[in-house]
Amino acid sequence: MINYIEPVFRPPSEWKSLILQVTNGCSWNRCSFCDMYTAPQKQFRAQKLDNVTADILKVKQSGVPILRVFLADGDAMSLPFKRLEAICLLIREHLPQVTRISSYCLPRNLTNKTPEQLSRLRELGLSLLYVGCESGDDEVLSCIDKGETYASSLAALEKIRAAGMKSSVMILNGLGGERFAEQHAVNSAKLMNAAQPDYLSTLVVTLPLGTERMDTAFGGKFILPNQRGLLNEMQMLLSHLELNKTIFRSDHASNYLVLKGVLGKDKPSLLAQVEQAIAGLVPLRQEWQRGL
């Protein structure tokens, strides 16, 4: 019933949600590891409010019960506060049964939004933001042209918490390559310890269109750690995490080892699982089972 501009991506946990495409593509779209929005039709633009309204009305008229809405594409929070407020009000008016609205969020998206504006969006149902920090290491972030730093990521996560919203952070296993694996893991853990996000997930770097952009970004051939190296990096990340009550998931299709738990109470168990995997005592996903 909705005509999407493909491809459309969403977090794994939003598989039951209505995907409402309020923007197309990503306003930054310079990260060297990311091929998600490189197709010609994915050039960034905001969808007209009339089109968003029409999509919401189509869903309403269908009678399909909708409890959650995910605002796509990769950069919905780049929209001005007034546009986001209008969209949330439309959802409240026409889909009153919705209990949660969520969106991807680049840290820079929040620099021009006040705590009061974020609190208002929270009141209207926008309660969860997925923040792709990718790394807490400034050298790695510079290499991949993320346009963010440890400090900017932490500031955004603190702003989200102050507004009463929840944050779900993504860290990319292997993003520093073999060269920066240790500092990537250690400083990513440092960022998470300072931010104490509600949710934390790890994905493995996947380069379906080849390594050329990453080779250029790292000033030479980008060498993704092998399976054992990725597990060693995960062990390092977990060992440095000191979280109070963060739901942790490493179950994306890109991961070799599926991990689920709450940090910190499950930290010893999660570390034990990784150590068993390193020792070859537990089965891992085969290459054909993995994907972006």
C-alpha atoms as a PDB file:
ATOM      1  CA  MET A   1       0.000   0.000   0.000  1.00  0.00           C
ATOM      2  CA  ILE A   2       3.045   2.266   0.331  1.00  0.00           C
ATOM      3  CA  ASN A   3       5.395   2.962  -2.573  1.00  0.00           C
ATOM      4  CA  TYR A   4       8.901   2.875  -1.099  1.00  0.00           C
ATOM      5  CA  ILE A   5      12.058   4.173  -2.741  1.00  0.00           C
ATOM      6  CA  GLU A   6      14.129   1.002  -2.542  1.00  0.00           C
ATOM      7  CA  PRO A   7      16.296  -0.201  -0.956  1.00  0.00           C
ATOM      8  CA  VAL A   8      14.896   0.433   2.516  1.00  0.00           C
ATOM      9  CA  PHE A   9      16.794  -0.564   5.660  1.00  0.00           C
ATOM     10  CA  ARG A  10      15.606  -0.897   9.244  1.00  0.00           C
ATOM     11  CA  PRO A  11      17.000  -2.190  12.548  1.00  0.00           C
ATOM     12  CA  PRO A  12      16.379  -5.927  13.119  1.00  0.00           C
ATOM     13  CA  SER A  13      14.127  -5.202  16.111  1.00  0.00           C
ATOM     14  CA  GLU A  14      11.740  -3.162  13.934  1.00  0.00           C
ATOM     15  CA  TRP A  15      10.608  -6.150  11.863  1.00  0.00           C
ATOM     16  CA  LYS A  16       7.021  -5.807  13.093  1.00  0.00           C
ATOM     17  CA  SER A  17       6.896  -2.030  12.704  1.00  0.00           C
ATOM     18  CA  LEU A  18       5.305   0.123  10.024  1.00  0.00           C
ATOM     19  CA  ILE A  19       8.225   1.533   8.034  1.00  0.00           C
ATOM     20  CA  LEU A  20       7.241   5.129   7.285  1.00  0.00           C
ATOM     21  CA  GLN A  21       9.645   6.704   4.783  1.00  0.00           C
ATOM     22  CA  VAL A  22       9.816  10.344   5.851  1.00  0.00           C
ATOM     23  CA  THR A  23      13.227  10.919   4.239  1.00  0.00           C
ATOM     24  CA  ASN A  24      15.084   9.190   1.432  1.00  0.00           C
ATOM     25  CA  GLY A  25      18.727   8.242   1.864  1.00  0.00           C
ATOM     26  CA  CYS A  26      21.214   9.835   4.262  1.00  0.00           C
ATOM     27  CA  SER A  27      22.169  13.520   4.451  1.00  0.00           C
ATOM     28  CA  TRP A  28      25.813  12.691   5.301  1.00  0.00           C
ATOM     29  CA  ASN A  29      26.335   9.578   3.142  1.00  0.00           C
ATOM     30  CA  ARG A  30      30.121   9.834   3.268  1.00  0.00           C
ATOM     31  CA  CYS A  31      31.031   6.977   5.614  1.00  0.00           C
ATOM     32  CA  SER A  32      33.525   4.832   3.724  1.00  0.00           C
ATOM     33  CA  PHE A  33      32.207   1.545   5.156  1.00  0.00           C
ATOM     34  CA  CYS A  34      28.563   2.177   4.205  1.00  0.00           C
ATOM     35  CA  ASP A  35      27.078   1.241   0.837  1.00  0.00           C
ATOM     36  CA  MET A  36      23.448   1.408   1.971  1.00  0.00           C
ATOM     37  CA  TYR A  37      22.462   4.635   0.234  1.00  0.00           C
ATOM     38  CA  THR A  38      24.844   4.823  -2.731  1.00  0.00           C
ATOM     39  CA  ALA A  39      22.301   3.944  -5.445  1.00  0.00           C
ATOM     40  CA  PRO A  40      21.291   6.918  -7.664  1.00  0.00           C
ATOM     41  CA  GLN A  41      17.677   6.865  -6.470  1.00  0.00           C
ATOM     42  CA  LYS A  42      18.806   7.148  -2.844  1.00  0.00           C
ATOM     43  CA  GLN A  43      20.052  10.733  -3.067  1.00  0.00           C
ATOM     44  CA  PHE A  44      18.987  12.418   0.155  1.00  0.00           C
ATOM     45  CA  ARG A  45      15.793  14.393   0.325  1.00  0.00           C
ATOM     46  CA  ALA A  46      12.927  14.916   2.711  1.00  0.00           C
ATOM     47  CA  GLN A  47       9.599  13.447   1.693  1.00  0.00           C
ATOM     48  CA  LYS A  48       6.818  15.980   1.276  1.00  0.00           C
ATOM     49  CA  LEU A  49       4.513  16.106   4.259  1.00  0.00           C
ATOM     50  CA  ASP A  50       1.542  15.556   1.957  1.00  0.00           C
ATOM     51  CA  ASN A  51       3.076  12.258   0.815  1.00  0.00           C
ATOM     52  CA  VAL A  52       3.761  11.168   4.393  1.00  0.00           C
ATOM     53  CA  THR A  53       0.175  12.037   5.313  1.00  0.00           C
ATOM     54  CA  ALA A  54      -1.119  10.022   2.366  1.00  0.00           C
ATOM     55  CA  ASP A  55       0.900   6.984   3.461  1.00  0.00           C
ATOM     56  CA  ILE A  56      -0.447   7.233   7.010  1.00  0.00           C
ATOM     57  CA  LEU A  57      -4.015   7.487   5.713  1.00  0.00           C
ATOM     58  CA  LYS A  58      -3.506   4.431   3.484  1.00  0.00           C
ATOM     59  CA  VAL A  59      -2.401   2.431   6.502  1.00  0.00           C
ATOM     60  CA  LYS A  60      -5.320   3.732   8.546  1.00  0.00           C
ATOM     61  CA  GLN A  61      -7.817   2.793   5.839  1.00  0.00           C
ATOM     62  CA  SER A  62      -6.322  -0.694   5.504  1.00  0.00           C
ATOM     63  CA  GLY A  63      -7.341  -1.574   9.038  1.00  0.00           C
ATOM     64  CA  VAL A  64      -4.009  -3.296   9.682  1.00  0.00           C
ATOM     65  CA  PRO A  65      -3.234  -2.956  13.406  1.00  0.00           C
ATOM     66  CA  ILE A  66      -0.067  -0.893  13.864  1.00  0.00           C
ATOM     67  CA  LEU A  67       1.601  -0.709  17.265  1.00  0.00           C
ATOM     68  CA  ARG A  68       5.042   0.610  16.292  1.00  0.00           C
ATOM     69  CA  VAL A  69       6.320   2.985  13.625  1.00  0.00           C
ATOM     70  CA  PHE A  70       9.897   3.327  12.386  1.00  0.00           C
ATOM     71  CA  LEU A  71      10.743   6.591  10.637  1.00  0.00           C
ATOM     72  CA  ALA A  72      12.957   5.757   7.646  1.00  0.00           C
ATOM     73  CA  ASP A  73      15.365   6.183   5.912  1.00  0.00           C
ATOM     74  CA  GLY A  74      18.760   6.546   7.500  1.00  0.00           C
ATOM     75  CA  ASP A  75      18.441  10.133   8.566  1.00  0.00           C
ATOM     76  CA  ALA A  76      14.900  11.003   9.668  1.00  0.00           C
ATOM     77  CA  MET A  77      16.144  12.979  12.663  1.00  0.00           C
ATOM     78  CA  SER A  78      17.792  15.432  10.275  1.00  0.00           C
ATOM     79  CA  LEU A  79      14.317  16.869   9.693  1.00  0.00           C
ATOM     80  CA  PRO A  80      13.515  20.126  11.498  1.00  0.00           C
ATOM     81  CA  PHE A  81      11.713  19.852  14.807  1.00  0.00           C
ATOM     82  CA  LYS A  82       8.467  21.252  13.398  1.00  0.00           C
ATOM     83  CA  ARG A  83       8.351  18.620  10.641  1.00  0.00           C
ATOM     84  CA  LEU A  84       9.029  15.812  13.116  1.00  0.00           C
ATOM     85  CA  GLU A  85       6.381  17.201  15.452  1.00  0.00           C
ATOM     86  CA  ALA A  86       3.849  17.321  12.601  1.00  0.00           C
ATOM     87  CA  ILE A  87       4.590  13.699  11.635  1.00  0.00           C
ATOM     88  CA  CYS A  88       4.235  12.494  15.222  1.00  0.00           C
ATOM     89  CA  LEU A  89       0.934  14.376  15.538  1.00  0.00           C
ATOM     90  CA  LEU A  90      -0.338  12.736  12.338  1.00  0.00           C
ATOM     91  CA  ILE A  91       0.556   9.311  13.693  1.00  0.00           C
ATOM     92  CA  ARG A  92      -1.180  10.086  16.984  1.00  0.00           C
ATOM     93  CA  GLU A  93      -4.298  11.316  15.194  1.00  0.00           C
ATOM     94  CA  HIS A  94      -4.698   8.553  12.615  1.00  0.00           C
ATOM     95  CA  LEU A  95      -2.937   5.595  14.268  1.00  0.00           C
ATOM     96  CA  PRO A  96      -3.811   6.140  17.952  1.00  0.00           C
ATOM     97  CA  GLN A  97      -2.928   2.562  18.895  1.00  0.00           C
ATOM     98  CA  VAL A  98       0.783   3.170  18.186  1.00  0.00           C
ATOM     99  CA  THR A  99       2.818   2.753  21.365  1.00  0.00           C
ATOM    100  CA  ARG A 100       6.287   3.600  20.032  1.00  0.00           C
ATOM    101  CA  ILE A 101       7.892   5.657  17.288  1.00  0.00           C
ATOM    102  CA  SER A 102      11.594   5.212  16.553  1.00  0.00           C
ATOM    103  CA  SER A 103      14.235   6.410  14.110  1.00  0.00           C
ATOM    104  CA  TYR A 104      17.889   6.193  13.169  1.00  0.00           C
ATOM    105  CA  CYS A 105      19.820   9.200  14.455  1.00  0.00           C
ATOM    106  CA  LEU A 106      23.213  10.641  13.589  1.00  0.00           C
ATOM    107  CA  PRO A 107      24.709  12.490  16.579  1.00  0.00           C
ATOM    108  CA  ARG A 108      24.889  15.687  14.506  1.00  0.00           C
ATOM    109  CA  ASN A 109      21.110  15.536  14.019  1.00  0.00           C
ATOM    110  CA  LEU A 110      20.632  16.663  17.608  1.00  0.00           C
ATOM    111  CA  THR A 111      22.880  19.724  17.645  1.00  0.00           C
ATOM    112  CA  ASN A 112      20.070  21.965  16.359  1.00  0.00           C
ATOM    113  CA  LYS A 113      17.354  20.489  18.574  1.00  0.00           C
ATOM    114  CA  THR A 114      16.845  21.735  22.114  1.00  0.00           C
ATOM    115  CA  PRO A 115      16.238  19.427  25.086  1.00  0.00           C
ATOM    116  CA  GLU A 116      12.732  20.868  25.260  1.00  0.00           C
ATOM    117  CA  GLN A 117      12.052  19.972  21.619  1.00  0.00           C
ATOM    118  CA  LEU A 118      13.288  16.415  22.146  1.00  0.00           C
ATOM    119  CA  SER A 119      11.118  16.115  25.237  1.00  0.00           C
ATOM    120  CA  ARG A 120       8.133  17.274  23.180  1.00  0.00           C
ATOM    121  CA  LEU A 121       8.822  14.582  20.570  1.00  0.00           C
ATOM    122  CA  ARG A 122       9.080  12.054  23.383  1.00  0.00           C
ATOM    123  CA  GLU A 123       5.644  13.138  24.631  1.00  0.00           C
ATOM    124  CA  LEU A 124       4.278  12.503  21.135  1.00  0.00           C
ATOM    125  CA  GLY A 125       5.627   8.958  21.068  1.00  0.00           C
ATOM    126  CA  LEU A 126       9.122   9.248  19.560  1.00  0.00           C
ATOM    127  CA  SER A 127      10.817   7.323  22.323  1.00  0.00           C
ATOM    128  CA  LEU A 128      13.703   5.331  20.802  1.00  0.00           C
ATOM    129  CA  LEU A 129      16.650   6.517  18.705  1.00  0.00           C
ATOM    130  CA  TYR A 130      19.110   4.153  17.015  1.00  0.00           C
ATOM    131  CA  VAL A 131      22.509   5.829  17.069  1.00  0.00           C
ATOM    132  CA  GLY A 132      25.208   4.462  14.799  1.00  0.00           C
ATOM    133  CA  CYS A 133      28.251   5.454  16.800  1.00  0.00           C
ATOM    134  CA  GLU A 134      30.219   2.725  14.957  1.00  0.00           C
ATOM    135  CA  SER A 135      33.304   3.380  17.128  1.00  0.00           C
ATOM    136  CA  GLY A 136      34.436   5.356  20.125  1.00  0.00           C
ATOM    137  CA  ASP A 137      37.926   5.838  18.720  1.00  0.00           C
ATOM    138  CA  ASP A 138      38.592   9.217  17.119  1.00  0.00           C
ATOM    139  CA  GLU A 139      41.297   7.875  14.797  1.00  0.00           C
ATOM    140  CA  VAL A 140      38.973   5.211  13.399  1.00  0.00           C
ATOM    141  CA  LEU A 141      36.115   7.720  13.100  1.00  0.00           C
ATOM    142  CA  SER A 142      38.395  10.050  11.156  1.00  0.00           C
ATOM    143  CA  CYS A 143      39.530   7.267   8.822  1.00  0.00           C
ATOM    144  CA  ILE A 144      35.959   6.287   7.917  1.00  0.00           C
ATOM    145  CA  ASP A 145      34.887   9.941   7.478  1.00  0.00           C
ATOM    146  CA  LYS A 146      32.088   9.551  10.002  1.00  0.00           C
ATOM    147  CA  GLY A 147      32.010  13.271  10.724  1.00  0.00           C
ATOM    148  CA  GLU A 148      31.673  12.511  14.430  1.00  0.00           C
ATOM    149  CA  THR A 149      33.984  12.147  17.406  1.00  0.00           C
ATOM    150  CA  TYR A 150      33.916  10.437  20.771  1.00  0.00           C
ATOM    151  CA  ALA A 151      32.794  13.757  22.273  1.00  0.00           C
ATOM    152  CA  SER A 152      30.003  14.442  19.768  1.00  0.00           C
ATOM    153  CA  SER A 153      28.630  10.915  20.133  1.00  0.00           C
ATOM    154  CA  LEU A 154      28.645  11.134  23.925  1.00  0.00           C
ATOM    155  CA  ALA A 155      26.952  14.549  23.868  1.00  0.00           C
ATOM    156  CA  ALA A 156      24.150  13.199  21.660  1.00  0.00           C
ATOM    157  CA  LEU A 157      23.597  10.131  23.836  1.00  0.00           C
ATOM    158  CA  GLU A 158      23.466  12.277  26.972  1.00  0.00           C
ATOM    159  CA  LYS A 159      20.972  14.597  25.274  1.00  0.00           C
ATOM    160  CA  ILE A 160      18.760  11.652  24.369  1.00  0.00           C
ATOM    161  CA  ARG A 161      18.737  10.404  27.934  1.00  0.00           C
ATOM    162  CA  ALA A 162      18.017  13.871  29.332  1.00  0.00           C
ATOM    163  CA  ALA A 163      14.952  14.091  27.075  1.00  0.00           C
ATOM    164  CA  GLY A 164      13.559  10.856  28.485  1.00  0.00           C
ATOM    165  CA  MET A 165      14.177   8.928  25.278  1.00  0.00           C
ATOM    166  CA  LYS A 166      15.936   5.582  24.984  1.00  0.00           C
ATOM    167  CA  SER A 167      19.042   4.994  22.910  1.00  0.00           C
ATOM    168  CA  SER A 168      20.129   1.924  20.980  1.00  0.00           C
ATOM    169  CA  VAL A 169      23.785   2.148  19.967  1.00  0.00           C
ATOM    170  CA  MET A 170      25.514   0.243  17.190  1.00  0.00           C
ATOM    171  CA  ILE A 171      29.228  -0.580  17.263  1.00  0.00           C
ATOM    172  CA  LEU A 172      30.855  -2.199  14.217  1.00  0.00           C
ATOM    173  CA  ASN A 173      33.075  -5.176  14.939  1.00  0.00           C
ATOM    174  CA  GLY A 174      36.153  -5.023  12.699  1.00  0.00           C
ATOM    175  CA  LEU A 175      35.761  -1.355  11.734  1.00  0.00           C
ATOM    176  CA  GLY A 176      39.340  -0.507  12.674  1.00  0.00           C
ATOM    177  CA  GLY A 177      40.705  -3.323  10.571  1.00  0.00           C
ATOM    178  CA  GLU A 178      43.635  -5.313  11.895  1.00  0.00           C
ATOM    179  CA  ARG A 179      45.648  -2.140  12.472  1.00  0.00           C
ATOM    180  CA  PHE A 180      43.312  -0.377  14.918  1.00  0.00           C
ATOM    181  CA  ALA A 181      41.430  -3.343  16.376  1.00  0.00           C
ATOM    182  CA  GLU A 182      42.573  -2.854  19.969  1.00  0.00           C
ATOM    183  CA  GLN A 183      42.020   0.894  20.239  1.00  0.00           C
ATOM    184  CA  HIS A 184      38.687   0.539  18.438  1.00  0.00           C
ATOM    185  CA  ALA A 185      37.474  -2.008  20.999  1.00  0.00           C
ATOM    186  CA  VAL A 186      38.848  -0.242  24.063  1.00  0.00           C
ATOM    187  CA  ASN A 187      37.626   3.252  23.175  1.00  0.00           C
ATOM    188  CA  SER A 188      34.233   1.977  22.019  1.00  0.00           C
ATOM    189  CA  ALA A 189      33.832   0.395  25.442  1.00  0.00           C
ATOM    190  CA  LYS A 190      34.945   3.661  27.039  1.00  0.00           C
ATOM    191  CA  LEU A 191      32.240   5.560  25.138  1.00  0.00           C
ATOM    192  CA  MET A 192      29.559   3.051  26.140  1.00  0.00           C
ATOM    193  CA  ASN A 193      30.651   3.159  29.791  1.00  0.00           C
ATOM    194  CA  ALA A 194      30.282   6.943  29.793  1.00  0.00           C
ATOM    195  CA  ALA A 195      26.913   6.922  27.986  1.00  0.00           C
ATOM    196  CA  GLN A 196      25.249   3.851  29.560  1.00  0.00           C
ATOM    197  CA  PRO A 197      22.856   3.315  26.614  1.00  0.00           C
ATOM    198  CA  ASP A 198      19.621   1.383  27.040  1.00  0.00           C
ATOM    199  CA  TYR A 199      20.541  -0.989  24.207  1.00  0.00           C
ATOM    200  CA  LEU A 200      23.850  -1.920  22.611  1.00  0.00           C
ATOM    201  CA  SER A 201      24.336  -4.042  19.515  1.00  0.00           C
ATOM    202  CA  THR A 202      27.376  -5.104  17.532  1.00  0.00           C
ATOM    203  CA  LEU A 203      27.461  -5.856  13.812  1.00  0.00           C
ATOM    204  CA  VAL A 204      30.375  -7.076  11.733  1.00  0.00           C
ATOM    205  CA  VAL A 205      31.629  -4.744   9.001  1.00  0.00           C
ATOM    206  CA  THR A 206      30.242  -5.983   5.684  1.00  0.00           C
ATOM    207  CA  LEU A 207      31.463  -4.610   2.355  1.00  0.00           C
ATOM    208  CA  PRO A 208      29.229  -6.104  -0.369  1.00  0.00           C
ATOM    209  CA  LEU A 209      30.511  -3.692  -3.033  1.00  0.00           C
ATOM    210  CA  GLY A 210      34.181  -4.332  -2.296  1.00  0.00           C
ATOM    211  CA  THR A 211      36.903  -2.747  -0.163  1.00  0.00           C
ATOM    212  CA  GLU A 212      37.990   0.083  -2.485  1.00  0.00           C
ATOM    213  CA  ARG A 213      36.443   2.896  -0.415  1.00  0.00           C
ATOM    214  CA  MET A 214      37.850   1.485   2.823  1.00  0.00           C
ATOM    215  CA  ASP A 215      41.268   0.949   1.206  1.00  0.00           C
ATOM    216  CA  THR A 216      41.317   4.646   0.284  1.00  0.00           C
ATOM    217  CA  ALA A 217      40.036   5.692   3.708  1.00  0.00           C
ATOM    218  CA  PHE A 218      42.805   3.811   5.516  1.00  0.00           C
ATOM    219  CA  GLY A 219      45.544   4.937   3.147  1.00  0.00           C
ATOM    220  CA  GLY A 220      46.269   1.437   1.908  1.00  0.00           C
ATOM    221  CA  LYS A 221      44.651  -1.955   1.828  1.00  0.00           C
ATOM    222  CA  PHE A 222      41.965  -2.319   4.481  1.00  0.00           C
ATOM    223  CA  ILE A 223      42.394  -5.680   6.159  1.00  0.00           C
ATOM    224  CA  LEU A 224      39.300  -6.893   7.945  1.00  0.00           C
ATOM    225  CA  PRO A 225      40.241  -9.175  10.853  1.00  0.00           C
ATOM    226  CA  ASN A 226      39.580 -12.830  10.162  1.00  0.00           C
ATOM    227  CA  GLN A 227      36.982 -14.761  12.141  1.00  0.00           C
ATOM    228  CA  ARG A 228      39.329 -15.337  15.071  1.00  0.00           C
ATOM    229  CA  GLY A 229      40.442 -11.708  15.016  1.00  0.00           C
ATOM    230  CA  LEU A 230      36.825 -10.516  15.155  1.00  0.00           C
ATOM    231  CA  LEU A 231      36.184 -12.776  18.135  1.00  0.00           C
ATOM    232  CA  ASN A 232      39.311 -11.501  19.872  1.00  0.00           C
ATOM    233  CA  GLU A 233      38.112  -7.948  19.307  1.00  0.00           C
ATOM    234  CA  MET A 234      34.696  -8.839  20.736  1.00  0.00           C
ATOM    235  CA  GLN A 235      36.383 -10.345  23.780  1.00  0.00           C
ATOM    236  CA  MET A 236      38.343  -7.122  24.251  1.00  0.00           C
ATOM    237  CA  LEU A 237      35.206  -4.981  23.926  1.00  0.00           C
ATOM    238  CA  LEU A 238      33.232  -7.047  26.423  1.00  0.00           C
ATOM    239  CA  SER A 239      36.070  -7.189  28.916  1.00  0.00           C
ATOM    240  CA  HIS A 240      36.306  -3.368  28.984  1.00  0.00           C
ATOM    241  CA  LEU A 241      32.549  -2.724  29.197  1.00  0.00           C
ATOM    242  CA  GLU A 242      31.275  -1.605  32.601  1.00  0.00           C
ATOM    243  CA  LEU A 243      27.557  -1.182  32.045  1.00  0.00           C
ATOM    244  CA  ASN A 244      24.836  -1.117  34.667  1.00  0.00           C
ATOM    245  CA  LYS A 245      21.692  -2.241  32.850  1.00  0.00           C
ATOM    246  CA  THR A 246      22.154  -2.301  29.090  1.00  0.00           C
ATOM    247  CA  ILE A 247      20.424  -4.882  26.901  1.00  0.00           C
ATOM    248  CA  PHE A 248      23.148  -6.306  24.670  1.00  0.00           C
ATOM    249  CA  ARG A 249      22.618  -8.040  21.335  1.00  0.00           C
ATOM    250  CA  SER A 250      25.083  -9.430  18.829  1.00  0.00           C
ATOM    251  CA  ASP A 251      22.544 -11.337  16.739  1.00  0.00           C
ATOM    252  CA  HIS A 252      22.520  -9.457  13.436  1.00  0.00           C
ATOM    253  CA  ALA A 253      22.908 -11.606  10.330  1.00  0.00           C
ATOM    254  CA  SER A 254      26.468 -10.324   9.879  1.00  0.00           C
ATOM    255  CA  ASN A 255      27.678 -11.797  13.187  1.00  0.00           C
ATOM    256  CA  TYR A 256      29.449 -15.144  13.324  1.00  0.00           C
ATOM    257  CA  LEU A 257      28.530 -15.675  16.989  1.00  0.00           C
ATOM    258  CA  VAL A 258      25.098 -14.870  18.387  1.00  0.00           C
ATOM    259  CA  LEU A 259      25.236 -13.232  21.824  1.00  0.00           C
ATOM    260  CA  LYS A 260      22.347 -11.989  23.954  1.00  0.00           C
ATOM    261  CA  GLY A 261      22.296 -10.724  27.503  1.00  0.00           C
ATOM    262  CA  VAL A 262      22.141  -7.812  29.904  1.00  0.00           C
ATOM    263  CA  LEU A 263      25.304  -5.945  30.799  1.00  0.00           C
ATOM    264  CA  GLY A 264      26.670  -5.983  33.319  1.00  0.00           C
ATOM    265  CA  LYS A 265      25.022  -9.025  35.033  1.00  0.00           C
ATOM    266  CA  ASP A 266      25.635 -11.333  32.072  1.00  0.00           C
ATOM    267  CA  LYS A 267      29.169 -10.152  31.337  1.00  0.00           C
ATOM    268  CA  PRO A 268      30.903 -13.302  32.686  1.00  0.00           C
ATOM    269  CA  SER A 269      28.563 -15.552  30.689  1.00  0.00           C
ATOM    270  CA  LEU A 270      28.999 -13.552  27.470  1.00  0.00           C
ATOM    271  CA  LEU A 271      32.776 -13.536  27.837  1.00  0.00           C
ATOM    272  CA  ALA A 272      32.739 -17.297  28.424  1.00  0.00           C
ATOM    273  CA  GLN A 273      30.761 -17.812  25.215  1.00  0.00           C
ATOM    274  CA  VAL A 274      33.264 -15.754  23.229  1.00  0.00           C
ATOM    275  CA  GLU A 275      36.186 -17.626  24.764  1.00  0.00           C
ATOM    276  CA  GLN A 276      34.561 -20.953  23.869  1.00  0.00           C
ATOM    277  CA  ALA A 277      34.108 -19.721  20.305  1.00  0.00           C
ATOM    278  CA  ILE A 278      37.760 -18.699  20.097  1.00  0.00           C
ATOM    279  CA  ALA A 279      38.689 -22.188  21.304  1.00  0.00           C
ATOM    280  CA  GLY A 280      36.496 -23.722  18.608  1.00  0.00           C
ATOM    281  CA  LEU A 281      34.074 -25.295  21.088  1.00  0.00           C
ATOM    282  CA  VAL A 282      30.836 -23.753  19.766  1.00  0.00           C
ATOM    283  CA  PRO A 283      29.454 -23.641  16.207  1.00  0.00           C
ATOM    284  CA  LEU A 284      29.616 -20.355  14.329  1.00  0.00           C
ATOM    285  CA  ARG A 285      27.549 -19.119  11.411  1.00  0.00           C
ATOM    286  CA  GLN A 286      28.790 -20.244   8.034  1.00  0.00           C
ATOM    287  CA  GLU A 287      29.497 -17.614   5.392  1.00  0.00           C
ATOM    288  CA  TRP A 288      26.328 -18.500   3.459  1.00  0.00           C
ATOM    289  CA  GLN A 289      24.288 -17.813   6.609  1.00  0.00           C
ATOM    290  CA  ARG A 290      25.606 -14.276   6.978  1.00  0.00           C
ATOM    291  CA  GLY A 291      24.501 -11.058   5.314  1.00  0.00           C
ATOM    292  CA  LEU A 292      24.293  -7.287   5.566  1.00  0.00           C
END
